[in-house]
Amino acid sequence: GAEWEGSPDAVTLAIEALIRSGDRR
């Protein structure tokens, strides 16, 4: 959590990719 806290740009990129990976469509 501390690493994500210090890397907000990485959070944005990771969230987008994770949501895409969870989209069965």
PDBML (XML) file of the C-alpha atoms, coordinates in Angstrom:
<?xml version="1.0" encoding="UTF-8" ?>
<PDBx:datablock datablockName="MODEL"
   xmlns:PDBx="http://pdbml.pdb.org/schema/pdbx-v50.xsd"
   xmlns:xsi="http://www.w3.org/2001/XMLSchema-instance"
   xsi:schemaLocation="http://pdbml.pdb.org/schema/pdbx-v50.xsd pdbx-v50.xsd">
   <PDBx:atom_siteCategory>
      <PDBx:atom_site id="1">
         <PDBx:B_iso_or_equiv>0.00</PDBx:B_iso_or_equiv>
         <PDBx:Cartn_x>0.000</PDBx:Cartn_x>
         <PDBx:Cartn_y>0.000</PDBx:Cartn_y>
         <PDBx:Cartn_z>0.000</PDBx:Cartn_z>
         <PDBx:auth_asym_id>A</PDBx:auth_asym_id>
         <PDBx:auth_atom_id>CA</PDBx:auth_atom_id>
         <PDBx:auth_comp_id>GLY</PDBx:auth_comp_id>
         <PDBx:auth_seq_id>1</PDBx:auth_seq_id>
         <PDBx:group_PDB>ATOM</PDBx:group_PDB>
         <PDBx:label_alt_id xsi:nil="true" />
         <PDBx:label_asym_id>A</PDBx:label_asym_id>
         <PDBx:label_atom_id>CA</PDBx:label_atom_id>
         <PDBx:label_comp_id>GLY</PDBx:label_comp_id>
         <PDBx:label_entity_id>1</PDBx:label_entity_id>
         <PDBx:label_seq_id>1</PDBx:label_seq_id>
         <PDBx:occupancy>1.00</PDBx:occupancy>
         <PDBx:pdbx_PDB_model_num>1</PDBx:pdbx_PDB_model_num>
         <PDBx:type_symbol>C</PDBx:type_symbol>
      </PDBx:atom_site>
      <PDBx:atom_site id="2">
         <PDBx:B_iso_or_equiv>0.00</PDBx:B_iso_or_equiv>
         <PDBx:Cartn_x>2.848</PDBx:Cartn_x>
         <PDBx:Cartn_y>2.372</PDBx:Cartn_y>
         <PDBx:Cartn_z>0.784</PDBx:Cartn_z>
         <PDBx:auth_asym_id>A</PDBx:auth_asym_id>
         <PDBx:auth_atom_id>CA</PDBx:auth_atom_id>
         <PDBx:auth_comp_id>ALA</PDBx:auth_comp_id>
         <PDBx:auth_seq_id>2</PDBx:auth_seq_id>
         <PDBx:group_PDB>ATOM</PDBx:group_PDB>
         <PDBx:label_alt_id xsi:nil="true" />
         <PDBx:label_asym_id>A</PDBx:label_asym_id>
         <PDBx:label_atom_id>CA</PDBx:label_atom_id>
         <PDBx:label_comp_id>ALA</PDBx:label_comp_id>
         <PDBx:label_entity_id>1</PDBx:label_entity_id>
         <PDBx:label_seq_id>2</PDBx:label_seq_id>
         <PDBx:occupancy>1.00</PDBx:occupancy>
         <PDBx:pdbx_PDB_model_num>1</PDBx:pdbx_PDB_model_num>
         <PDBx:type_symbol>C</PDBx:type_symbol>
      </PDBx:atom_site>
      <PDBx:atom_site id="3">
         <PDBx:B_iso_or_equiv>0.00</PDBx:B_iso_or_equiv>
         <PDBx:Cartn_x>4.373</PDBx:Cartn_x>
         <PDBx:Cartn_y>1.824</PDBx:Cartn_y>
         <PDBx:Cartn_z>-2.657</PDBx:Cartn_z>
         <PDBx:auth_asym_id>A</PDBx:auth_asym_id>
         <PDBx:auth_atom_id>CA</PDBx:auth_atom_id>
         <PDBx:auth_comp_id>GLU</PDBx:auth_comp_id>
         <PDBx:auth_seq_id>3</PDBx:auth_seq_id>
         <PDBx:group_PDB>ATOM</PDBx:group_PDB>
         <PDBx:label_alt_id xsi:nil="true" />
         <PDBx:label_asym_id>A</PDBx:label_asym_id>
         <PDBx:label_atom_id>CA</PDBx:label_atom_id>
         <PDBx:label_comp_id>GLU</PDBx:label_comp_id>
         <PDBx:label_entity_id>1</PDBx:label_entity_id>
         <PDBx:label_seq_id>3</PDBx:label_seq_id>
         <PDBx:occupancy>1.00</PDBx:occupancy>
         <PDBx:pdbx_PDB_model_num>1</PDBx:pdbx_PDB_model_num>
         <PDBx:type_symbol>C</PDBx:type_symbol>
      </PDBx:atom_site>
      <PDBx:atom_site id="4">
         <PDBx:B_iso_or_equiv>0.00</PDBx:B_iso_or_equiv>
         <PDBx:Cartn_x>1.052</PDBx:Cartn_x>
         <PDBx:Cartn_y>2.513</PDBx:Cartn_y>
         <PDBx:Cartn_z>-4.384</PDBx:Cartn_z>
         <PDBx:auth_asym_id>A</PDBx:auth_asym_id>
         <PDBx:auth_atom_id>CA</PDBx:auth_atom_id>
         <PDBx:auth_comp_id>TRP</PDBx:auth_comp_id>
         <PDBx:auth_seq_id>4</PDBx:auth_seq_id>
         <PDBx:group_PDB>ATOM</PDBx:group_PDB>
         <PDBx:label_alt_id xsi:nil="true" />
         <PDBx:label_asym_id>A</PDBx:label_asym_id>
         <PDBx:label_atom_id>CA</PDBx:label_atom_id>
         <PDBx:label_comp_id>TRP</PDBx:label_comp_id>
         <PDBx:label_entity_id>1</PDBx:label_entity_id>
         <PDBx:label_seq_id>4</PDBx:label_seq_id>
         <PDBx:occupancy>1.00</PDBx:occupancy>
         <PDBx:pdbx_PDB_model_num>1</PDBx:pdbx_PDB_model_num>
         <PDBx:type_symbol>C</PDBx:type_symbol>
      </PDBx:atom_site>
      <PDBx:atom_site id="5">
         <PDBx:B_iso_or_equiv>0.00</PDBx:B_iso_or_equiv>
         <PDBx:Cartn_x>0.630</PDBx:Cartn_x>
         <PDBx:Cartn_y>5.600</PDBx:Cartn_y>
         <PDBx:Cartn_z>-2.204</PDBx:Cartn_z>
         <PDBx:auth_asym_id>A</PDBx:auth_asym_id>
         <PDBx:auth_atom_id>CA</PDBx:auth_atom_id>
         <PDBx:auth_comp_id>GLU</PDBx:auth_comp_id>
         <PDBx:auth_seq_id>5</PDBx:auth_seq_id>
         <PDBx:group_PDB>ATOM</PDBx:group_PDB>
         <PDBx:label_alt_id xsi:nil="true" />
         <PDBx:label_asym_id>A</PDBx:label_asym_id>
         <PDBx:label_atom_id>CA</PDBx:label_atom_id>
         <PDBx:label_comp_id>GLU</PDBx:label_comp_id>
         <PDBx:label_entity_id>1</PDBx:label_entity_id>
         <PDBx:label_seq_id>5</PDBx:label_seq_id>
         <PDBx:occupancy>1.00</PDBx:occupancy>
         <PDBx:pdbx_PDB_model_num>1</PDBx:pdbx_PDB_model_num>
         <PDBx:type_symbol>C</PDBx:type_symbol>
      </PDBx:atom_site>
      <PDBx:atom_site id="6">
         <PDBx:B_iso_or_equiv>0.00</PDBx:B_iso_or_equiv>
         <PDBx:Cartn_x>3.930</PDBx:Cartn_x>
         <PDBx:Cartn_y>6.969</PDBx:Cartn_y>
         <PDBx:Cartn_z>-3.438</PDBx:Cartn_z>
         <PDBx:auth_asym_id>A</PDBx:auth_asym_id>
         <PDBx:auth_atom_id>CA</PDBx:auth_atom_id>
         <PDBx:auth_comp_id>GLY</PDBx:auth_comp_id>
         <PDBx:auth_seq_id>6</PDBx:auth_seq_id>
         <PDBx:group_PDB>ATOM</PDBx:group_PDB>
         <PDBx:label_alt_id xsi:nil="true" />
         <PDBx:label_asym_id>A</PDBx:label_asym_id>
         <PDBx:label_atom_id>CA</PDBx:label_atom_id>
         <PDBx:label_comp_id>GLY</PDBx:label_comp_id>
         <PDBx:label_entity_id>1</PDBx:label_entity_id>
         <PDBx:label_seq_id>6</PDBx:label_seq_id>
         <PDBx:occupancy>1.00</PDBx:occupancy>
         <PDBx:pdbx_PDB_model_num>1</PDBx:pdbx_PDB_model_num>
         <PDBx:type_symbol>C</PDBx:type_symbol>
      </PDBx:atom_site>
      <PDBx:atom_site id="7">
         <PDBx:B_iso_or_equiv>0.00</PDBx:B_iso_or_equiv>
         <PDBx:Cartn_x>3.173</PDBx:Cartn_x>
         <PDBx:Cartn_y>6.200</PDBx:Cartn_y>
         <PDBx:Cartn_z>-7.099</PDBx:Cartn_z>
         <PDBx:auth_asym_id>A</PDBx:auth_asym_id>
         <PDBx:auth_atom_id>CA</PDBx:auth_atom_id>
         <PDBx:auth_comp_id>SER</PDBx:auth_comp_id>
         <PDBx:auth_seq_id>7</PDBx:auth_seq_id>
         <PDBx:group_PDB>ATOM</PDBx:group_PDB>
         <PDBx:label_alt_id xsi:nil="true" />
         <PDBx:label_asym_id>A</PDBx:label_asym_id>
         <PDBx:label_atom_id>CA</PDBx:label_atom_id>
         <PDBx:label_comp_id>SER</PDBx:label_comp_id>
         <PDBx:label_entity_id>1</PDBx:label_entity_id>
         <PDBx:label_seq_id>7</PDBx:label_seq_id>
         <PDBx:occupancy>1.00</PDBx:occupancy>
         <PDBx:pdbx_PDB_model_num>1</PDBx:pdbx_PDB_model_num>
         <PDBx:type_symbol>C</PDBx:type_symbol>
      </PDBx:atom_site>
      <PDBx:atom_site id="8">
         <PDBx:B_iso_or_equiv>0.00</PDBx:B_iso_or_equiv>
         <PDBx:Cartn_x>-0.178</PDBx:Cartn_x>
         <PDBx:Cartn_y>7.764</PDBx:Cartn_y>
         <PDBx:Cartn_z>-8.077</PDBx:Cartn_z>
         <PDBx:auth_asym_id>A</PDBx:auth_asym_id>
         <PDBx:auth_atom_id>CA</PDBx:auth_atom_id>
         <PDBx:auth_comp_id>PRO</PDBx:auth_comp_id>
         <PDBx:auth_seq_id>8</PDBx:auth_seq_id>
         <PDBx:group_PDB>ATOM</PDBx:group_PDB>
         <PDBx:label_alt_id xsi:nil="true" />
         <PDBx:label_asym_id>A</PDBx:label_asym_id>
         <PDBx:label_atom_id>CA</PDBx:label_atom_id>
         <PDBx:label_comp_id>PRO</PDBx:label_comp_id>
         <PDBx:label_entity_id>1</PDBx:label_entity_id>
         <PDBx:label_seq_id>8</PDBx:label_seq_id>
         <PDBx:occupancy>1.00</PDBx:occupancy>
         <PDBx:pdbx_PDB_model_num>1</PDBx:pdbx_PDB_model_num>
         <PDBx:type_symbol>C</PDBx:type_symbol>
      </PDBx:atom_site>
      <PDBx:atom_site id="9">
         <PDBx:B_iso_or_equiv>0.00</PDBx:B_iso_or_equiv>
         <PDBx:Cartn_x>0.555</PDBx:Cartn_x>
         <PDBx:Cartn_y>7.491</PDBx:Cartn_y>
         <PDBx:Cartn_z>-11.819</PDBx:Cartn_z>
         <PDBx:auth_asym_id>A</PDBx:auth_asym_id>
         <PDBx:auth_atom_id>CA</PDBx:auth_atom_id>
         <PDBx:auth_comp_id>ASP</PDBx:auth_comp_id>
         <PDBx:auth_seq_id>9</PDBx:auth_seq_id>
         <PDBx:group_PDB>ATOM</PDBx:group_PDB>
         <PDBx:label_alt_id xsi:nil="true" />
         <PDBx:label_asym_id>A</PDBx:label_asym_id>
         <PDBx:label_atom_id>CA</PDBx:label_atom_id>
         <PDBx:label_comp_id>ASP</PDBx:label_comp_id>
         <PDBx:label_entity_id>1</PDBx:label_entity_id>
         <PDBx:label_seq_id>9</PDBx:label_seq_id>
         <PDBx:occupancy>1.00</PDBx:occupancy>
         <PDBx:pdbx_PDB_model_num>1</PDBx:pdbx_PDB_model_num>
         <PDBx:type_symbol>C</PDBx:type_symbol>
      </PDBx:atom_site>
      <PDBx:atom_site id="10">
         <PDBx:B_iso_or_equiv>0.00</PDBx:B_iso_or_equiv>
         <PDBx:Cartn_x>1.069</PDBx:Cartn_x>
         <PDBx:Cartn_y>3.756</PDBx:Cartn_y>
         <PDBx:Cartn_z>-11.416</PDBx:Cartn_z>
         <PDBx:auth_asym_id>A</PDBx:auth_asym_id>
         <PDBx:auth_atom_id>CA</PDBx:auth_atom_id>
         <PDBx:auth_comp_id>ALA</PDBx:auth_comp_id>
         <PDBx:auth_seq_id>10</PDBx:auth_seq_id>
         <PDBx:group_PDB>ATOM</PDBx:group_PDB>
         <PDBx:label_alt_id xsi:nil="true" />
         <PDBx:label_asym_id>A</PDBx:label_asym_id>
         <PDBx:label_atom_id>CA</PDBx:label_atom_id>
         <PDBx:label_comp_id>ALA</PDBx:label_comp_id>
         <PDBx:label_entity_id>1</PDBx:label_entity_id>
         <PDBx:label_seq_id>10</PDBx:label_seq_id>
         <PDBx:occupancy>1.00</PDBx:occupancy>
         <PDBx:pdbx_PDB_model_num>1</PDBx:pdbx_PDB_model_num>
         <PDBx:type_symbol>C</PDBx:type_symbol>
      </PDBx:atom_site>
      <PDBx:atom_site id="11">
         <PDBx:B_iso_or_equiv>0.00</PDBx:B_iso_or_equiv>
         <PDBx:Cartn_x>-2.269</PDBx:Cartn_x>
         <PDBx:Cartn_y>3.492</PDBx:Cartn_y>
         <PDBx:Cartn_z>-9.589</PDBx:Cartn_z>
         <PDBx:auth_asym_id>A</PDBx:auth_asym_id>
         <PDBx:auth_atom_id>CA</PDBx:auth_atom_id>
         <PDBx:auth_comp_id>VAL</PDBx:auth_comp_id>
         <PDBx:auth_seq_id>11</PDBx:auth_seq_id>
         <PDBx:group_PDB>ATOM</PDBx:group_PDB>
         <PDBx:label_alt_id xsi:nil="true" />
         <PDBx:label_asym_id>A</PDBx:label_asym_id>
         <PDBx:label_atom_id>CA</PDBx:label_atom_id>
         <PDBx:label_comp_id>VAL</PDBx:label_comp_id>
         <PDBx:label_entity_id>1</PDBx:label_entity_id>
         <PDBx:label_seq_id>11</PDBx:label_seq_id>
         <PDBx:occupancy>1.00</PDBx:occupancy>
         <PDBx:pdbx_PDB_model_num>1</PDBx:pdbx_PDB_model_num>
         <PDBx:type_symbol>C</PDBx:type_symbol>
      </PDBx:atom_site>
      <PDBx:atom_site id="12">
         <PDBx:B_iso_or_equiv>0.00</PDBx:B_iso_or_equiv>
         <PDBx:Cartn_x>-4.132</PDBx:Cartn_x>
         <PDBx:Cartn_y>5.014</PDBx:Cartn_y>
         <PDBx:Cartn_z>-12.528</PDBx:Cartn_z>
         <PDBx:auth_asym_id>A</PDBx:auth_asym_id>
         <PDBx:auth_atom_id>CA</PDBx:auth_atom_id>
         <PDBx:auth_comp_id>THR</PDBx:auth_comp_id>
         <PDBx:auth_seq_id>12</PDBx:auth_seq_id>
         <PDBx:group_PDB>ATOM</PDBx:group_PDB>
         <PDBx:label_alt_id xsi:nil="true" />
         <PDBx:label_asym_id>A</PDBx:label_asym_id>
         <PDBx:label_atom_id>CA</PDBx:label_atom_id>
         <PDBx:label_comp_id>THR</PDBx:label_comp_id>
         <PDBx:label_entity_id>1</PDBx:label_entity_id>
         <PDBx:label_seq_id>12</PDBx:label_seq_id>
         <PDBx:occupancy>1.00</PDBx:occupancy>
         <PDBx:pdbx_PDB_model_num>1</PDBx:pdbx_PDB_model_num>
         <PDBx:type_symbol>C</PDBx:type_symbol>
      </PDBx:atom_site>
      <PDBx:atom_site id="13">
         <PDBx:B_iso_or_equiv>0.00</PDBx:B_iso_or_equiv>
         <PDBx:Cartn_x>-2.468</PDBx:Cartn_x>
         <PDBx:Cartn_y>2.748</PDBx:Cartn_y>
         <PDBx:Cartn_z>-15.079</PDBx:Cartn_z>
         <PDBx:auth_asym_id>A</PDBx:auth_asym_id>
         <PDBx:auth_atom_id>CA</PDBx:auth_atom_id>
         <PDBx:auth_comp_id>LEU</PDBx:auth_comp_id>
         <PDBx:auth_seq_id>13</PDBx:auth_seq_id>
         <PDBx:group_PDB>ATOM</PDBx:group_PDB>
         <PDBx:label_alt_id xsi:nil="true" />
         <PDBx:label_asym_id>A</PDBx:label_asym_id>
         <PDBx:label_atom_id>CA</PDBx:label_atom_id>
         <PDBx:label_comp_id>LEU</PDBx:label_comp_id>
         <PDBx:label_entity_id>1</PDBx:label_entity_id>
         <PDBx:label_seq_id>13</PDBx:label_seq_id>
         <PDBx:occupancy>1.00</PDBx:occupancy>
         <PDBx:pdbx_PDB_model_num>1</PDBx:pdbx_PDB_model_num>
         <PDBx:type_symbol>C</PDBx:type_symbol>
      </PDBx:atom_site>
      <PDBx:atom_site id="14">
         <PDBx:B_iso_or_equiv>0.00</PDBx:B_iso_or_equiv>
         <PDBx:Cartn_x>-2.881</PDBx:Cartn_x>
         <PDBx:Cartn_y>-0.388</PDBx:Cartn_y>
         <PDBx:Cartn_z>-12.988</PDBx:Cartn_z>
         <PDBx:auth_asym_id>A</PDBx:auth_asym_id>
         <PDBx:auth_atom_id>CA</PDBx:auth_atom_id>
         <PDBx:auth_comp_id>ALA</PDBx:auth_comp_id>
         <PDBx:auth_seq_id>14</PDBx:auth_seq_id>
         <PDBx:group_PDB>ATOM</PDBx:group_PDB>
         <PDBx:label_alt_id xsi:nil="true" />
         <PDBx:label_asym_id>A</PDBx:label_asym_id>
         <PDBx:label_atom_id>CA</PDBx:label_atom_id>
         <PDBx:label_comp_id>ALA</PDBx:label_comp_id>
         <PDBx:label_entity_id>1</PDBx:label_entity_id>
         <PDBx:label_seq_id>14</PDBx:label_seq_id>
         <PDBx:occupancy>1.00</PDBx:occupancy>
         <PDBx:pdbx_PDB_model_num>1</PDBx:pdbx_PDB_model_num>
         <PDBx:type_symbol>C</PDBx:type_symbol>
      </PDBx:atom_site>
      <PDBx:atom_site id="15">
         <PDBx:B_iso_or_equiv>0.00</PDBx:B_iso_or_equiv>
         <PDBx:Cartn_x>-6.557</PDBx:Cartn_x>
         <PDBx:Cartn_y>0.220</PDBx:Cartn_y>
         <PDBx:Cartn_z>-12.251</PDBx:Cartn_z>
         <PDBx:auth_asym_id>A</PDBx:auth_asym_id>
         <PDBx:auth_atom_id>CA</PDBx:auth_atom_id>
         <PDBx:auth_comp_id>ILE</PDBx:auth_comp_id>
         <PDBx:auth_seq_id>15</PDBx:auth_seq_id>
         <PDBx:group_PDB>ATOM</PDBx:group_PDB>
         <PDBx:label_alt_id xsi:nil="true" />
         <PDBx:label_asym_id>A</PDBx:label_asym_id>
         <PDBx:label_atom_id>CA</PDBx:label_atom_id>
         <PDBx:label_comp_id>ILE</PDBx:label_comp_id>
         <PDBx:label_entity_id>1</PDBx:label_entity_id>
         <PDBx:label_seq_id>15</PDBx:label_seq_id>
         <PDBx:occupancy>1.00</PDBx:occupancy>
         <PDBx:pdbx_PDB_model_num>1</PDBx:pdbx_PDB_model_num>
         <PDBx:type_symbol>C</PDBx:type_symbol>
      </PDBx:atom_site>
      <PDBx:atom_site id="16">
         <PDBx:B_iso_or_equiv>0.00</PDBx:B_iso_or_equiv>
         <PDBx:Cartn_x>-7.364</PDBx:Cartn_x>
         <PDBx:Cartn_y>0.686</PDBx:Cartn_y>
         <PDBx:Cartn_z>-15.932</PDBx:Cartn_z>
         <PDBx:auth_asym_id>A</PDBx:auth_asym_id>
         <PDBx:auth_atom_id>CA</PDBx:auth_atom_id>
         <PDBx:auth_comp_id>GLU</PDBx:auth_comp_id>
         <PDBx:auth_seq_id>16</PDBx:auth_seq_id>
         <PDBx:group_PDB>ATOM</PDBx:group_PDB>
         <PDBx:label_alt_id xsi:nil="true" />
         <PDBx:label_asym_id>A</PDBx:label_asym_id>
         <PDBx:label_atom_id>CA</PDBx:label_atom_id>
         <PDBx:label_comp_id>GLU</PDBx:label_comp_id>
         <PDBx:label_entity_id>1</PDBx:label_entity_id>
         <PDBx:label_seq_id>16</PDBx:label_seq_id>
         <PDBx:occupancy>1.00</PDBx:occupancy>
         <PDBx:pdbx_PDB_model_num>1</PDBx:pdbx_PDB_model_num>
         <PDBx:type_symbol>C</PDBx:type_symbol>
      </PDBx:atom_site>
      <PDBx:atom_site id="17">
         <PDBx:B_iso_or_equiv>0.00</PDBx:B_iso_or_equiv>
         <PDBx:Cartn_x>-5.572</PDBx:Cartn_x>
         <PDBx:Cartn_y>-2.551</PDBx:Cartn_y>
         <PDBx:Cartn_z>-16.820</PDBx:Cartn_z>
         <PDBx:auth_asym_id>A</PDBx:auth_asym_id>
         <PDBx:auth_atom_id>CA</PDBx:auth_atom_id>
         <PDBx:auth_comp_id>ALA</PDBx:auth_comp_id>
         <PDBx:auth_seq_id>17</PDBx:auth_seq_id>
         <PDBx:group_PDB>ATOM</PDBx:group_PDB>
         <PDBx:label_alt_id xsi:nil="true" />
         <PDBx:label_asym_id>A</PDBx:label_asym_id>
         <PDBx:label_atom_id>CA</PDBx:label_atom_id>
         <PDBx:label_comp_id>ALA</PDBx:label_comp_id>
         <PDBx:label_entity_id>1</PDBx:label_entity_id>
         <PDBx:label_seq_id>17</PDBx:label_seq_id>
         <PDBx:occupancy>1.00</PDBx:occupancy>
         <PDBx:pdbx_PDB_model_num>1</PDBx:pdbx_PDB_model_num>
         <PDBx:type_symbol>C</PDBx:type_symbol>
      </PDBx:atom_site>
      <PDBx:atom_site id="18">
         <PDBx:B_iso_or_equiv>0.00</PDBx:B_iso_or_equiv>
         <PDBx:Cartn_x>-7.127</PDBx:Cartn_x>
         <PDBx:Cartn_y>-4.536</PDBx:Cartn_y>
         <PDBx:Cartn_z>-13.973</PDBx:Cartn_z>
         <PDBx:auth_asym_id>A</PDBx:auth_asym_id>
         <PDBx:auth_atom_id>CA</PDBx:auth_atom_id>
         <PDBx:auth_comp_id>LEU</PDBx:auth_comp_id>
         <PDBx:auth_seq_id>18</PDBx:auth_seq_id>
         <PDBx:group_PDB>ATOM</PDBx:group_PDB>
         <PDBx:label_alt_id xsi:nil="true" />
         <PDBx:label_asym_id>A</PDBx:label_asym_id>
         <PDBx:label_atom_id>CA</PDBx:label_atom_id>
         <PDBx:label_comp_id>LEU</PDBx:label_comp_id>
         <PDBx:label_entity_id>1</PDBx:label_entity_id>
         <PDBx:label_seq_id>18</PDBx:label_seq_id>
         <PDBx:occupancy>1.00</PDBx:occupancy>
         <PDBx:pdbx_PDB_model_num>1</PDBx:pdbx_PDB_model_num>
         <PDBx:type_symbol>C</PDBx:type_symbol>
      </PDBx:atom_site>
      <PDBx:atom_site id="19">
         <PDBx:B_iso_or_equiv>0.00</PDBx:B_iso_or_equiv>
         <PDBx:Cartn_x>-10.654</PDBx:Cartn_x>
         <PDBx:Cartn_y>-3.451</PDBx:Cartn_y>
         <PDBx:Cartn_z>-14.833</PDBx:Cartn_z>
         <PDBx:auth_asym_id>A</PDBx:auth_asym_id>
         <PDBx:auth_atom_id>CA</PDBx:auth_atom_id>
         <PDBx:auth_comp_id>ILE</PDBx:auth_comp_id>
         <PDBx:auth_seq_id>19</PDBx:auth_seq_id>
         <PDBx:group_PDB>ATOM</PDBx:group_PDB>
         <PDBx:label_alt_id xsi:nil="true" />
         <PDBx:label_asym_id>A</PDBx:label_asym_id>
         <PDBx:label_atom_id>CA</PDBx:label_atom_id>
         <PDBx:label_comp_id>ILE</PDBx:label_comp_id>
         <PDBx:label_entity_id>1</PDBx:label_entity_id>
         <PDBx:label_seq_id>19</PDBx:label_seq_id>
         <PDBx:occupancy>1.00</PDBx:occupancy>
         <PDBx:pdbx_PDB_model_num>1</PDBx:pdbx_PDB_model_num>
         <PDBx:type_symbol>C</PDBx:type_symbol>
      </PDBx:atom_site>
      <PDBx:atom_site id="20">
         <PDBx:B_iso_or_equiv>0.00</PDBx:B_iso_or_equiv>
         <PDBx:Cartn_x>-10.068</PDBx:Cartn_x>
         <PDBx:Cartn_y>-4.354</PDBx:Cartn_y>
         <PDBx:Cartn_z>-18.483</PDBx:Cartn_z>
         <PDBx:auth_asym_id>A</PDBx:auth_asym_id>
         <PDBx:auth_atom_id>CA</PDBx:auth_atom_id>
         <PDBx:auth_comp_id>ARG</PDBx:auth_comp_id>
         <PDBx:auth_seq_id>20</PDBx:auth_seq_id>
         <PDBx:group_PDB>ATOM</PDBx:group_PDB>
         <PDBx:label_alt_id xsi:nil="true" />
         <PDBx:label_asym_id>A</PDBx:label_asym_id>
         <PDBx:label_atom_id>CA</PDBx:label_atom_id>
         <PDBx:label_comp_id>ARG</PDBx:label_comp_id>
         <PDBx:label_entity_id>1</PDBx:label_entity_id>
         <PDBx:label_seq_id>20</PDBx:label_seq_id>
         <PDBx:occupancy>1.00</PDBx:occupancy>
         <PDBx:pdbx_PDB_model_num>1</PDBx:pdbx_PDB_model_num>
         <PDBx:type_symbol>C</PDBx:type_symbol>
      </PDBx:atom_site>
      <PDBx:atom_site id="21">
         <PDBx:B_iso_or_equiv>0.00</PDBx:B_iso_or_equiv>
         <PDBx:Cartn_x>-8.777</PDBx:Cartn_x>
         <PDBx:Cartn_y>-7.774</PDBx:Cartn_y>
         <PDBx:Cartn_z>-17.446</PDBx:Cartn_z>
         <PDBx:auth_asym_id>A</PDBx:auth_asym_id>
         <PDBx:auth_atom_id>CA</PDBx:auth_atom_id>
         <PDBx:auth_comp_id>SER</PDBx:auth_comp_id>
         <PDBx:auth_seq_id>21</PDBx:auth_seq_id>
         <PDBx:group_PDB>ATOM</PDBx:group_PDB>
         <PDBx:label_alt_id xsi:nil="true" />
         <PDBx:label_asym_id>A</PDBx:label_asym_id>
         <PDBx:label_atom_id>CA</PDBx:label_atom_id>
         <PDBx:label_comp_id>SER</PDBx:label_comp_id>
         <PDBx:label_entity_id>1</PDBx:label_entity_id>
         <PDBx:label_seq_id>21</PDBx:label_seq_id>
         <PDBx:occupancy>1.00</PDBx:occupancy>
         <PDBx:pdbx_PDB_model_num>1</PDBx:pdbx_PDB_model_num>
         <PDBx:type_symbol>C</PDBx:type_symbol>
      </PDBx:atom_site>
      <PDBx:atom_site id="22">
         <PDBx:B_iso_or_equiv>0.00</PDBx:B_iso_or_equiv>
         <PDBx:Cartn_x>-11.927</PDBx:Cartn_x>
         <PDBx:Cartn_y>-8.381</PDBx:Cartn_y>
         <PDBx:Cartn_z>-15.412</PDBx:Cartn_z>
         <PDBx:auth_asym_id>A</PDBx:auth_asym_id>
         <PDBx:auth_atom_id>CA</PDBx:auth_atom_id>
         <PDBx:auth_comp_id>GLY</PDBx:auth_comp_id>
         <PDBx:auth_seq_id>22</PDBx:auth_seq_id>
         <PDBx:group_PDB>ATOM</PDBx:group_PDB>
         <PDBx:label_alt_id xsi:nil="true" />
         <PDBx:label_asym_id>A</PDBx:label_asym_id>
         <PDBx:label_atom_id>CA</PDBx:label_atom_id>
         <PDBx:label_comp_id>GLY</PDBx:label_comp_id>
         <PDBx:label_entity_id>1</PDBx:label_entity_id>
         <PDBx:label_seq_id>22</PDBx:label_seq_id>
         <PDBx:occupancy>1.00</PDBx:occupancy>
         <PDBx:pdbx_PDB_model_num>1</PDBx:pdbx_PDB_model_num>
         <PDBx:type_symbol>C</PDBx:type_symbol>
      </PDBx:atom_site>
      <PDBx:atom_site id="23">
         <PDBx:B_iso_or_equiv>0.00</PDBx:B_iso_or_equiv>
         <PDBx:Cartn_x>-14.258</PDBx:Cartn_x>
         <PDBx:Cartn_y>-7.457</PDBx:Cartn_y>
         <PDBx:Cartn_z>-18.270</PDBx:Cartn_z>
         <PDBx:auth_asym_id>A</PDBx:auth_asym_id>
         <PDBx:auth_atom_id>CA</PDBx:auth_atom_id>
         <PDBx:auth_comp_id>ASP</PDBx:auth_comp_id>
         <PDBx:auth_seq_id>23</PDBx:auth_seq_id>
         <PDBx:group_PDB>ATOM</PDBx:group_PDB>
         <PDBx:label_alt_id xsi:nil="true" />
         <PDBx:label_asym_id>A</PDBx:label_asym_id>
         <PDBx:label_atom_id>CA</PDBx:label_atom_id>
         <PDBx:label_comp_id>ASP</PDBx:label_comp_id>
         <PDBx:label_entity_id>1</PDBx:label_entity_id>
         <PDBx:label_seq_id>23</PDBx:label_seq_id>
         <PDBx:occupancy>1.00</PDBx:occupancy>
         <PDBx:pdbx_PDB_model_num>1</PDBx:pdbx_PDB_model_num>
         <PDBx:type_symbol>C</PDBx:type_symbol>
      </PDBx:atom_site>
      <PDBx:atom_site id="24">
         <PDBx:B_iso_or_equiv>0.00</PDBx:B_iso_or_equiv>
         <PDBx:Cartn_x>-15.380</PDBx:Cartn_x>
         <PDBx:Cartn_y>-10.704</PDBx:Cartn_y>
         <PDBx:Cartn_z>-19.916</PDBx:Cartn_z>
         <PDBx:auth_asym_id>A</PDBx:auth_asym_id>
         <PDBx:auth_atom_id>CA</PDBx:auth_atom_id>
         <PDBx:auth_comp_id>ARG</PDBx:auth_comp_id>
         <PDBx:auth_seq_id>24</PDBx:auth_seq_id>
         <PDBx:group_PDB>ATOM</PDBx:group_PDB>
         <PDBx:label_alt_id xsi:nil="true" />
         <PDBx:label_asym_id>A</PDBx:label_asym_id>
         <PDBx:label_atom_id>CA</PDBx:label_atom_id>
         <PDBx:label_comp_id>ARG</PDBx:label_comp_id>
         <PDBx:label_entity_id>1</PDBx:label_entity_id>
         <PDBx:label_seq_id>24</PDBx:label_seq_id>
         <PDBx:occupancy>1.00</PDBx:occupancy>
         <PDBx:pdbx_PDB_model_num>1</PDBx:pdbx_PDB_model_num>
         <PDBx:type_symbol>C</PDBx:type_symbol>
      </PDBx:atom_site>
      <PDBx:atom_site id="25">
         <PDBx:B_iso_or_equiv>0.00</PDBx:B_iso_or_equiv>
         <PDBx:Cartn_x>-16.707</PDBx:Cartn_x>
         <PDBx:Cartn_y>-8.698</PDBx:Cartn_y>
         <PDBx:Cartn_z>-22.831</PDBx:Cartn_z>
         <PDBx:auth_asym_id>A</PDBx:auth_asym_id>
         <PDBx:auth_atom_id>CA</PDBx:auth_atom_id>
         <PDBx:auth_comp_id>ARG</PDBx:auth_comp_id>
         <PDBx:auth_seq_id>25</PDBx:auth_seq_id>
         <PDBx:group_PDB>ATOM</PDBx:group_PDB>
         <PDBx:label_alt_id xsi:nil="true" />
         <PDBx:label_asym_id>A</PDBx:label_asym_id>
         <PDBx:label_atom_id>CA</PDBx:label_atom_id>
         <PDBx:label_comp_id>ARG</PDBx:label_comp_id>
         <PDBx:label_entity_id>1</PDBx:label_entity_id>
         <PDBx:label_seq_id>25</PDBx:label_seq_id>
         <PDBx:occupancy>1.00</PDBx:occupancy>
         <PDBx:pdbx_PDB_model_num>1</PDBx:pdbx_PDB_model_num>
         <PDBx:type_symbol>C</PDBx:type_symbol>
      </PDBx:atom_site>
   </PDBx:atom_siteCategory>
</PDBx:datablock>
